[in-house]
Amino acid sequence: MSTPTLTAGVLADRIPTSRVRDALLVLGGTLFVAIASQIVIPLGFTPVPLSLSTFAVILTGACLGTARATMSLGLYMVLGVAGAPIFAEQSSGWESASFGYIIGYILAGAAAGYLAERGFDRSVGRMALLVLTSSVLIYAVGLPWLMAFTGASFTAGVEMGIVPFLVGDAIKGVAAMALLPATWHLIGKK
């Protein structure tokens, strides 16, 4: 007996469609990332704090899909640049060592949404690829910005902007890998 396939789409698509729904989902994703960004562990040896924002970015992307996630994370960045204290440690503006990661959030959320629209959020193994892709995109933009902002070499940049976050990102990734497929499993039973 074969397993029934789930219909295409992301979790947000399970809510009846309307422009109001989409606007609320975009705002909700922005708020979720802003709140998660305030759960911070400052690290004295790097100007980039450890926060739950990457976890929120991946979940926002996977739950909202490409277009809504891109708008949500773009709005997060625009509000922060405009002065809203929604970045980690209630900071704002683009003149910080960690702003490149925030730009990377947009790409990561879009990639997570794109992959989720293709069912990558429905199994642990495929979700691992979604998490890895999103994380690489965040680092791919964040690291060069950090290096340019601080004047650090590539090695020093990796030591400040990637290595300290690998364990935390792995833990957040495992949580996302468990949460989204389990949610789809529960929805599938209804």
N, C-alpha and C. Protein backbone atom coordinates (compact mmCIF):
# COMPACT_ATOMS: atom_id res chain seq x y z
N MET A 1 0.84 -1.17 0.00
CA MET A 1 0.00 0.00 0.00
C MET A 1 0.89 1.23 0.00
N SER A 2 0.59 2.17 -0.86
CA SER A 2 1.41 3.38 -0.94
C SER A 2 0.91 4.45 0.02
N THR A 3 1.83 5.31 0.42
CA THR A 3 1.49 6.41 1.31
C THR A 3 0.90 7.55 0.47
N PRO A 4 -0.22 8.13 0.90
CA PRO A 4 -0.77 9.25 0.12
C PRO A 4 0.19 10.43 0.15
N THR A 5 0.34 11.11 -0.97
CA THR A 5 1.22 12.27 -1.02
C THR A 5 0.45 13.50 -0.55
N LEU A 6 1.17 14.38 0.10
CA LEU A 6 0.58 15.62 0.57
C LEU A 6 0.51 16.59 -0.60
N THR A 7 -0.48 17.45 -0.59
CA THR A 7 -0.60 18.45 -1.65
C THR A 7 0.54 19.45 -1.53
N ALA A 8 0.86 20.09 -2.65
CA ALA A 8 1.91 21.09 -2.64
C ALA A 8 1.49 22.28 -1.80
N GLY A 9 2.46 23.03 -1.36
CA GLY A 9 2.17 24.21 -0.56
C GLY A 9 2.90 24.17 0.76
N VAL A 10 2.77 25.25 1.49
CA VAL A 10 3.41 25.37 2.80
C VAL A 10 2.33 25.42 3.87
N LEU A 11 2.75 25.41 5.11
CA LEU A 11 1.79 25.40 6.22
C LEU A 11 0.81 26.58 6.15
N ALA A 12 1.29 27.75 5.79
CA ALA A 12 0.42 28.93 5.72
C ALA A 12 -0.70 28.75 4.70
N ASP A 13 -0.47 27.91 3.71
CA ASP A 13 -1.50 27.68 2.69
C ASP A 13 -2.69 26.88 3.22
N ARG A 14 -2.57 26.35 4.42
CA ARG A 14 -3.67 25.61 5.03
C ARG A 14 -4.74 26.56 5.60
N ILE A 15 -4.41 27.84 5.67
CA ILE A 15 -5.35 28.86 6.15
C ILE A 15 -6.09 29.40 4.92
N PRO A 16 -7.40 29.59 4.99
CA PRO A 16 -8.14 30.11 3.82
C PRO A 16 -7.50 31.38 3.25
N THR A 17 -7.42 31.44 1.94
CA THR A 17 -6.73 32.51 1.23
C THR A 17 -7.47 33.84 1.26
N SER A 18 -6.72 34.90 1.53
CA SER A 18 -7.22 36.27 1.41
C SER A 18 -6.02 37.20 1.47
N ARG A 19 -6.19 38.40 0.99
CA ARG A 19 -5.11 39.39 1.09
C ARG A 19 -4.83 39.74 2.54
N VAL A 20 -5.88 39.79 3.34
CA VAL A 20 -5.70 40.09 4.76
C VAL A 20 -4.86 38.99 5.41
N ARG A 21 -5.17 37.74 5.09
CA ARG A 21 -4.40 36.62 5.64
C ARG A 21 -2.93 36.77 5.27
N ASP A 22 -2.66 37.03 3.99
CA ASP A 22 -1.27 37.15 3.55
C ASP A 22 -0.56 38.30 4.27
N ALA A 23 -1.22 39.43 4.41
CA ALA A 23 -0.62 40.58 5.11
C ALA A 23 -0.34 40.22 6.57
N LEU A 24 -1.27 39.55 7.22
CA LEU A 24 -1.07 39.16 8.61
C LEU A 24 0.05 38.13 8.75
N LEU A 25 0.15 37.21 7.80
CA LEU A 25 1.24 36.23 7.84
C LEU A 25 2.59 36.91 7.67
N VAL A 26 2.68 37.85 6.75
CA VAL A 26 3.93 38.59 6.54
C VAL A 26 4.30 39.35 7.81
N LEU A 27 3.34 40.07 8.38
CA LEU A 27 3.60 40.81 9.63
C LEU A 27 3.94 39.86 10.77
N GLY A 28 3.25 38.74 10.84
CA GLY A 28 3.52 37.76 11.89
C GLY A 28 4.92 37.19 11.79
N GLY A 29 5.37 36.91 10.56
CA GLY A 29 6.74 36.42 10.37
C GLY A 29 7.76 37.46 10.80
N THR A 30 7.51 38.72 10.46
CA THR A 30 8.41 39.81 10.87
C THR A 30 8.47 39.90 12.39
N LEU A 31 7.32 39.85 13.02
CA LEU A 31 7.25 39.92 14.48
C LEU A 31 7.95 38.73 15.13
N PHE A 32 7.75 37.53 14.58
CA PHE A 32 8.38 36.32 15.11
C PHE A 32 9.90 36.45 15.08
N VAL A 33 10.45 36.90 13.96
CA VAL A 33 11.90 37.07 13.85
C VAL A 33 12.38 38.17 14.79
N ALA A 34 11.63 39.26 14.88
CA ALA A 34 12.02 40.36 15.78
C ALA A 34 12.06 39.90 17.24
N ILE A 35 11.09 39.11 17.64
CA ILE A 35 11.07 38.61 19.03
C ILE A 35 12.20 37.61 19.25
N ALA A 36 12.37 36.68 18.32
CA ALA A 36 13.43 35.68 18.45
C ALA A 36 14.81 36.33 18.47
N SER A 37 14.95 37.46 17.79
CA SER A 37 16.23 38.17 17.75
C SER A 37 16.60 38.76 19.11
N GLN A 38 15.63 38.89 20.00
CA GLN A 38 15.90 39.45 21.32
C GLN A 38 16.33 38.39 22.32
N ILE A 39 16.22 37.13 21.95
CA ILE A 39 16.69 36.04 22.81
C ILE A 39 18.16 35.82 22.44
N VAL A 40 19.03 36.43 23.24
CA VAL A 40 20.43 36.61 22.86
C VAL A 40 21.38 36.12 23.95
N ILE A 41 22.49 35.57 23.49
CA ILE A 41 23.63 35.29 24.37
C ILE A 41 24.80 36.06 23.78
N PRO A 42 25.22 37.17 24.41
CA PRO A 42 26.37 37.92 23.89
C PRO A 42 27.65 37.10 24.04
N LEU A 43 28.49 37.16 23.05
CA LEU A 43 29.77 36.46 23.08
C LEU A 43 30.86 37.53 23.07
N GLY A 44 31.69 37.55 24.08
CA GLY A 44 32.69 38.60 24.24
C GLY A 44 33.76 38.64 23.17
N PHE A 45 33.97 37.56 22.47
CA PHE A 45 35.06 37.49 21.49
C PHE A 45 34.61 37.75 20.05
N THR A 46 33.34 38.09 19.86
CA THR A 46 32.83 38.41 18.53
C THR A 46 31.77 39.49 18.64
N PRO A 47 31.71 40.38 17.66
CA PRO A 47 30.67 41.42 17.70
C PRO A 47 29.29 40.91 17.30
N VAL A 48 29.20 39.64 16.93
CA VAL A 48 27.93 39.04 16.51
C VAL A 48 27.37 38.23 17.67
N PRO A 49 26.18 38.58 18.18
CA PRO A 49 25.63 37.81 19.30
C PRO A 49 24.96 36.53 18.81
N LEU A 50 24.87 35.57 19.70
CA LEU A 50 24.14 34.33 19.43
C LEU A 50 22.68 34.60 19.75
N SER A 51 21.78 34.35 18.81
CA SER A 51 20.36 34.59 19.05
C SER A 51 19.53 33.49 18.41
N LEU A 52 18.24 33.54 18.65
CA LEU A 52 17.31 32.57 18.03
C LEU A 52 16.79 33.05 16.68
N SER A 53 17.35 34.13 16.17
CA SER A 53 16.83 34.68 14.92
C SER A 53 16.96 33.72 13.75
N THR A 54 18.05 32.98 13.66
CA THR A 54 18.20 32.07 12.51
C THR A 54 17.14 30.97 12.56
N PHE A 55 16.81 30.50 13.74
CA PHE A 55 15.73 29.52 13.90
C PHE A 55 14.42 30.10 13.40
N ALA A 56 14.14 31.34 13.78
CA ALA A 56 12.90 32.00 13.36
C ALA A 56 12.90 32.24 11.85
N VAL A 57 14.03 32.58 11.28
CA VAL A 57 14.13 32.81 9.84
C VAL A 57 13.78 31.53 9.08
N ILE A 58 14.35 30.41 9.50
CA ILE A 58 14.10 29.14 8.81
C ILE A 58 12.64 28.74 8.95
N LEU A 59 12.07 28.87 10.13
CA LEU A 59 10.66 28.52 10.31
C LEU A 59 9.75 29.46 9.53
N THR A 60 10.07 30.75 9.54
CA THR A 60 9.27 31.72 8.79
C THR A 60 9.30 31.38 7.31
N GLY A 61 10.47 31.12 6.78
CA GLY A 61 10.58 30.78 5.37
C GLY A 61 9.81 29.53 5.02
N ALA A 62 10.00 28.48 5.80
CA ALA A 62 9.35 27.20 5.51
C ALA A 62 7.84 27.26 5.70
N CYS A 63 7.38 28.02 6.65
CA CYS A 63 5.94 28.10 6.91
C CYS A 63 5.21 29.05 5.96
N LEU A 64 5.88 30.10 5.52
CA LEU A 64 5.21 31.11 4.70
C LEU A 64 5.38 30.90 3.20
N GLY A 65 6.44 30.25 2.78
CA GLY A 65 6.70 30.11 1.36
C GLY A 65 7.55 31.25 0.86
N THR A 66 8.02 31.13 -0.37
CA THR A 66 9.00 32.06 -0.92
C THR A 66 8.55 33.52 -0.88
N ALA A 67 7.42 33.82 -1.47
CA ALA A 67 7.00 35.23 -1.61
C ALA A 67 6.73 35.87 -0.25
N ARG A 68 5.92 35.22 0.58
CA ARG A 68 5.58 35.82 1.87
C ARG A 68 6.81 35.92 2.78
N ALA A 69 7.68 34.90 2.74
CA ALA A 69 8.89 34.94 3.58
C ALA A 69 9.81 36.07 3.13
N THR A 70 9.96 36.24 1.82
CA THR A 70 10.81 37.31 1.31
C THR A 70 10.27 38.67 1.76
N MET A 71 8.96 38.85 1.67
CA MET A 71 8.37 40.11 2.11
C MET A 71 8.53 40.28 3.62
N SER A 72 8.31 39.23 4.38
CA SER A 72 8.40 39.29 5.83
C SER A 72 9.81 39.65 6.29
N LEU A 73 10.80 38.98 5.74
CA LEU A 73 12.17 39.23 6.15
C LEU A 73 12.71 40.53 5.57
N GLY A 74 12.23 40.90 4.39
CA GLY A 74 12.57 42.21 3.83
C GLY A 74 12.01 43.32 4.71
N LEU A 75 10.77 43.15 5.18
CA LEU A 75 10.17 44.12 6.09
C LEU A 75 10.95 44.21 7.39
N TYR A 76 11.38 43.06 7.92
CA TYR A 76 12.22 43.03 9.12
C TYR A 76 13.47 43.89 8.92
N MET A 77 14.14 43.70 7.79
CA MET A 77 15.35 44.46 7.51
C MET A 77 15.05 45.96 7.36
N VAL A 78 14.02 46.29 6.59
CA VAL A 78 13.68 47.69 6.35
C VAL A 78 13.31 48.40 7.66
N LEU A 79 12.51 47.76 8.48
CA LEU A 79 12.13 48.36 9.76
C LEU A 79 13.36 48.60 10.64
N GLY A 80 14.26 47.62 10.67
CA GLY A 80 15.48 47.78 11.47
C GLY A 80 16.38 48.87 10.95
N VAL A 81 16.52 48.95 9.63
CA VAL A 81 17.35 50.01 9.04
C VAL A 81 16.72 51.38 9.30
N ALA A 82 15.40 51.42 9.32
CA ALA A 82 14.69 52.69 9.56
C ALA A 82 14.77 53.14 11.02
N GLY A 83 15.28 52.29 11.89
CA GLY A 83 15.47 52.69 13.28
C GLY A 83 14.67 51.92 14.31
N ALA A 84 13.79 51.02 13.88
CA ALA A 84 13.05 50.21 14.86
C ALA A 84 14.05 49.28 15.55
N PRO A 85 14.05 49.21 16.88
CA PRO A 85 15.05 48.42 17.60
C PRO A 85 14.68 46.93 17.62
N ILE A 86 14.67 46.32 16.45
CA ILE A 86 14.20 44.93 16.34
C ILE A 86 15.31 43.93 16.02
N PHE A 87 16.52 44.42 15.76
CA PHE A 87 17.63 43.50 15.55
C PHE A 87 18.11 43.00 16.92
N ALA A 88 19.02 42.06 16.93
CA ALA A 88 19.52 41.48 18.18
C ALA A 88 19.94 42.57 19.15
N GLU A 89 19.65 42.35 20.39
CA GLU A 89 19.97 43.27 21.48
C GLU A 89 19.32 44.64 21.29
N GLN A 90 18.14 44.65 20.69
CA GLN A 90 17.36 45.85 20.43
C GLN A 90 18.14 46.90 19.64
N SER A 91 18.96 46.43 18.73
CA SER A 91 19.71 47.34 17.88
C SER A 91 18.94 47.61 16.59
N SER A 92 19.46 48.57 15.84
CA SER A 92 18.86 48.91 14.55
C SER A 92 19.95 49.50 13.66
N GLY A 93 19.62 49.75 12.42
CA GLY A 93 20.56 50.34 11.49
C GLY A 93 21.39 49.30 10.76
N TRP A 94 22.07 49.77 9.73
CA TRP A 94 22.87 48.86 8.91
C TRP A 94 24.35 48.90 9.25
N GLU A 95 24.77 49.81 10.08
CA GLU A 95 26.19 49.96 10.40
C GLU A 95 26.58 49.09 11.60
N SER A 96 26.58 47.80 11.37
CA SER A 96 27.00 46.87 12.41
C SER A 96 27.68 45.67 11.76
N ALA A 97 28.46 44.99 12.55
CA ALA A 97 29.19 43.82 12.04
C ALA A 97 28.24 42.69 11.65
N SER A 98 27.05 42.68 12.22
CA SER A 98 26.13 41.57 11.96
C SER A 98 25.07 41.87 10.91
N PHE A 99 25.09 43.04 10.31
CA PHE A 99 24.04 43.39 9.34
C PHE A 99 24.05 42.48 8.11
N GLY A 100 25.19 41.98 7.72
CA GLY A 100 25.25 41.05 6.58
C GLY A 100 24.43 39.80 6.82
N TYR A 101 24.38 39.34 8.06
CA TYR A 101 23.56 38.17 8.38
C TYR A 101 22.08 38.51 8.16
N ILE A 102 21.69 39.72 8.48
CA ILE A 102 20.30 40.14 8.30
C ILE A 102 19.94 40.16 6.82
N ILE A 103 20.85 40.62 5.98
CA ILE A 103 20.62 40.53 4.53
C ILE A 103 20.49 39.06 4.13
N GLY A 104 21.36 38.24 4.69
CA GLY A 104 21.30 36.80 4.43
C GLY A 104 19.99 36.16 4.86
N TYR A 105 19.34 36.72 5.88
CA TYR A 105 18.05 36.19 6.32
C TYR A 105 17.03 36.20 5.18
N ILE A 106 17.06 37.24 4.37
CA ILE A 106 16.11 37.33 3.26
C ILE A 106 16.33 36.19 2.28
N LEU A 107 17.58 35.96 1.92
CA LEU A 107 17.90 34.86 1.00
C LEU A 107 17.58 33.51 1.63
N ALA A 108 17.91 33.35 2.90
CA ALA A 108 17.67 32.09 3.59
C ALA A 108 16.17 31.80 3.70
N GLY A 109 15.40 32.84 4.05
CA GLY A 109 13.95 32.66 4.15
C GLY A 109 13.33 32.31 2.81
N ALA A 110 13.80 32.97 1.75
CA ALA A 110 13.30 32.67 0.40
C ALA A 110 13.64 31.24 0.00
N ALA A 111 14.87 30.82 0.30
CA ALA A 111 15.28 29.44 -0.04
C ALA A 111 14.49 28.42 0.77
N ALA A 112 14.30 28.70 2.07
CA ALA A 112 13.50 27.78 2.90
C ALA A 112 12.08 27.69 2.37
N GLY A 113 11.52 28.84 1.98
CA GLY A 113 10.17 28.84 1.41
C GLY A 113 10.09 28.07 0.11
N TYR A 114 11.07 28.28 -0.76
CA TYR A 114 11.11 27.59 -2.05
C TYR A 114 11.18 26.07 -1.85
N LEU A 115 12.06 25.65 -0.95
CA LEU A 115 12.19 24.21 -0.70
C LEU A 115 10.95 23.64 -0.01
N ALA A 116 10.37 24.39 0.91
CA ALA A 116 9.16 23.93 1.59
C ALA A 116 8.00 23.80 0.60
N GLU A 117 7.92 24.71 -0.36
CA GLU A 117 6.87 24.61 -1.38
C GLU A 117 7.00 23.33 -2.19
N ARG A 118 8.16 22.72 -2.15
CA ARG A 118 8.41 21.47 -2.86
C ARG A 118 8.46 20.27 -1.92
N GLY A 119 7.97 20.45 -0.69
CA GLY A 119 7.82 19.35 0.25
C GLY A 119 9.02 19.04 1.11
N PHE A 120 10.06 19.89 1.10
CA PHE A 120 11.24 19.60 1.89
C PHE A 120 11.00 19.72 3.39
N ASP A 121 9.90 20.33 3.78
CA ASP A 121 9.60 20.50 5.21
C ASP A 121 8.78 19.34 5.77
N ARG A 122 8.60 18.28 5.01
CA ARG A 122 7.71 17.20 5.42
C ARG A 122 8.42 15.94 5.87
N SER A 123 9.73 15.90 5.75
CA SER A 123 10.50 14.77 6.27
C SER A 123 11.77 15.30 6.91
N VAL A 124 12.27 14.57 7.87
CA VAL A 124 13.46 15.01 8.60
C VAL A 124 14.66 15.10 7.67
N GLY A 125 14.86 14.12 6.81
CA GLY A 125 16.01 14.12 5.92
C GLY A 125 16.02 15.29 4.96
N ARG A 126 14.89 15.54 4.32
CA ARG A 126 14.81 16.66 3.38
C ARG A 126 14.83 17.99 4.12
N MET A 127 14.27 18.00 5.31
CA MET A 127 14.30 19.22 6.13
C MET A 127 15.75 19.57 6.49
N ALA A 128 16.59 18.55 6.67
CA ALA A 128 18.01 18.79 6.95
C ALA A 128 18.65 19.57 5.81
N LEU A 129 18.29 19.25 4.57
CA LEU A 129 18.82 19.98 3.42
C LEU A 129 18.30 21.41 3.40
N LEU A 130 17.05 21.61 3.77
CA LEU A 130 16.47 22.95 3.84
C LEU A 130 17.22 23.79 4.87
N VAL A 131 17.45 23.23 6.05
CA VAL A 131 18.16 23.94 7.12
C VAL A 131 19.59 24.25 6.70
N LEU A 132 20.27 23.28 6.12
CA LEU A 132 21.66 23.48 5.69
C LEU A 132 21.75 24.56 4.62
N THR A 133 20.88 24.51 3.63
CA THR A 133 20.87 25.52 2.57
C THR A 133 20.64 26.91 3.14
N SER A 134 19.66 27.03 4.02
CA SER A 134 19.35 28.33 4.62
C SER A 134 20.53 28.85 5.44
N SER A 135 21.13 27.99 6.22
CA SER A 135 22.26 28.40 7.06
C SER A 135 23.45 28.84 6.22
N VAL A 136 23.75 28.11 5.16
CA VAL A 136 24.86 28.48 4.28
C VAL A 136 24.62 29.85 3.67
N LEU A 137 23.38 30.13 3.26
CA LEU A 137 23.08 31.44 2.68
C LEU A 137 23.27 32.58 3.68
N ILE A 138 22.89 32.34 4.93
CA ILE A 138 23.10 33.37 5.97
C ILE A 138 24.58 33.63 6.15
N TYR A 139 25.37 32.57 6.27
CA TYR A 139 26.82 32.74 6.43
C TYR A 139 27.47 33.33 5.19
N ALA A 140 26.99 32.97 4.00
CA ALA A 140 27.59 33.43 2.75
C ALA A 140 27.52 34.95 2.61
N VAL A 141 26.50 35.57 3.18
CA VAL A 141 26.39 37.03 3.14
C VAL A 141 26.96 37.64 4.42
N GLY A 142 26.70 37.00 5.53
CA GLY A 142 27.14 37.55 6.82
C GLY A 142 28.64 37.60 7.00
N LEU A 143 29.34 36.56 6.57
CA LEU A 143 30.78 36.52 6.76
C LEU A 143 31.51 37.62 5.99
N PRO A 144 31.27 37.81 4.69
CA PRO A 144 31.97 38.90 3.99
C PRO A 144 31.66 40.28 4.59
N TRP A 145 30.41 40.49 5.01
CA TRP A 145 30.07 41.77 5.63
C TRP A 145 30.86 41.95 6.93
N LEU A 146 30.88 40.92 7.75
CA LEU A 146 31.62 40.97 9.01
C LEU A 146 33.10 41.28 8.75
N MET A 147 33.68 40.60 7.77
CA MET A 147 35.09 40.83 7.45
C MET A 147 35.33 42.26 6.99
N ALA A 148 34.46 42.75 6.12
CA ALA A 148 34.61 44.13 5.62
C ALA A 148 34.41 45.14 6.74
N PHE A 149 33.43 44.91 7.59
CA PHE A 149 33.12 45.86 8.66
C PHE A 149 34.23 45.92 9.71
N THR A 150 34.80 44.76 10.04
CA THR A 150 35.81 44.70 11.10
C THR A 150 37.24 44.75 10.57
N GLY A 151 37.42 44.55 9.26
CA GLY A 151 38.76 44.48 8.69
C GLY A 151 39.45 43.16 8.98
N ALA A 152 38.68 42.15 9.37
CA ALA A 152 39.24 40.85 9.72
C ALA A 152 39.65 40.07 8.48
N SER A 153 40.66 39.23 8.64
CA SER A 153 41.05 38.31 7.58
C SER A 153 39.98 37.23 7.45
N PHE A 154 40.10 36.42 6.40
CA PHE A 154 39.14 35.32 6.22
C PHE A 154 39.15 34.39 7.43
N THR A 155 40.34 34.01 7.88
CA THR A 155 40.45 33.09 9.02
C THR A 155 39.85 33.71 10.28
N ALA A 156 40.18 34.96 10.55
CA ALA A 156 39.63 35.64 11.73
C ALA A 156 38.12 35.80 11.59
N GLY A 157 37.65 36.09 10.38
CA GLY A 157 36.22 36.21 10.15
C GLY A 157 35.48 34.92 10.44
N VAL A 158 36.04 33.81 9.97
CA VAL A 158 35.43 32.50 10.23
C VAL A 158 35.42 32.21 11.73
N GLU A 159 36.51 32.56 12.41
CA GLU A 159 36.59 32.34 13.86
C GLU A 159 35.59 33.19 14.63
N MET A 160 35.27 34.40 14.12
CA MET A 160 34.31 35.29 14.79
C MET A 160 32.88 35.09 14.31
N GLY A 161 32.70 34.73 13.03
CA GLY A 161 31.38 34.78 12.42
C GLY A 161 30.76 33.47 12.03
N ILE A 162 31.49 32.37 12.16
CA ILE A 162 30.90 31.07 11.82
C ILE A 162 31.11 30.07 12.95
N VAL A 163 32.36 29.81 13.31
CA VAL A 163 32.68 28.75 14.27
C VAL A 163 31.89 28.86 15.57
N PRO A 164 31.76 30.05 16.19
CA PRO A 164 31.05 30.11 17.47
C PRO A 164 29.55 29.76 17.37
N PHE A 165 29.03 29.74 16.14
CA PHE A 165 27.59 29.57 15.97
C PHE A 165 27.20 28.18 15.46
N LEU A 166 28.17 27.36 15.14
CA LEU A 166 27.86 26.07 14.53
C LEU A 166 27.07 25.14 15.45
N VAL A 167 27.46 25.05 16.70
CA VAL A 167 26.74 24.16 17.63
C VAL A 167 25.31 24.67 17.84
N GLY A 168 25.17 25.97 18.08
CA GLY A 168 23.84 26.53 18.27
C GLY A 168 22.96 26.37 17.04
N ASP A 169 23.55 26.58 15.86
CA ASP A 169 22.79 26.42 14.63
C ASP A 169 22.40 24.96 14.42
N ALA A 170 23.27 24.04 14.82
CA ALA A 170 22.93 22.62 14.71
C ALA A 170 21.75 22.28 15.63
N ILE A 171 21.75 22.81 16.83
CA ILE A 171 20.65 22.57 17.77
C ILE A 171 19.35 23.16 17.24
N LYS A 172 19.41 24.41 16.75
CA LYS A 172 18.22 25.05 16.18
C LYS A 172 17.75 24.30 14.93
N GLY A 173 18.69 23.81 14.15
CA GLY A 173 18.34 23.05 12.95
C GLY A 173 17.64 21.75 13.28
N VAL A 174 18.13 21.04 14.29
CA VAL A 174 17.49 19.79 14.71
C VAL A 174 16.08 20.07 15.22
N ALA A 175 15.92 21.16 15.95
CA ALA A 175 14.58 21.53 16.43
C ALA A 175 13.64 21.79 15.26
N ALA A 176 14.10 22.53 14.25
CA ALA A 176 13.27 22.79 13.07
C ALA A 176 12.99 21.51 12.30
N MET A 177 14.00 20.62 12.23
CA MET A 177 13.84 19.35 11.52
C MET A 177 12.82 18.46 12.20
N ALA A 178 12.67 18.60 13.50
CA ALA A 178 11.67 17.81 14.22
C ALA A 178 10.30 18.50 14.16
N LEU A 179 10.28 19.80 14.29
CA LEU A 179 9.02 20.54 14.41
C LEU A 179 8.17 20.53 13.14
N LEU A 180 8.76 20.86 12.01
CA LEU A 180 7.95 20.99 10.80
C LEU A 180 7.42 19.65 10.28
N PRO A 181 8.25 18.60 10.16
CA PRO A 181 7.67 17.32 9.73
C PRO A 181 6.61 16.80 10.71
N ALA A 182 6.81 17.03 12.00
CA ALA A 182 5.81 16.59 12.99
C ALA A 182 4.51 17.36 12.81
N THR A 183 4.61 18.64 12.52
CA THR A 183 3.41 19.44 12.29
C THR A 183 2.65 18.93 11.07
N TRP A 184 3.37 18.66 9.98
CA TRP A 184 2.72 18.11 8.78
C TRP A 184 2.09 16.76 9.07
N HIS A 185 2.76 15.96 9.89
CA HIS A 185 2.21 14.64 10.26
C HIS A 185 0.89 14.80 11.00
N LEU A 186 0.86 15.75 11.93
CA LEU A 186 -0.37 16.00 12.69
C LEU A 186 -1.48 16.52 11.80
N ILE A 187 -1.15 17.44 10.91
CA ILE A 187 -2.14 17.99 9.98
C ILE A 187 -2.67 16.92 9.05
N GLY A 188 -1.77 16.03 8.63
CA GLY A 188 -2.16 14.96 7.73
C GLY A 188 -3.17 14.00 8.33
N LYS A 189 -3.22 13.92 9.64
CA LYS A 189 -4.17 13.03 10.33
C LYS A 189 -5.54 13.64 10.46
N LYS A 190 -5.66 14.95 10.18
CA LYS A 190 -6.97 15.62 10.33
C LYS A 190 -7.77 15.54 9.06
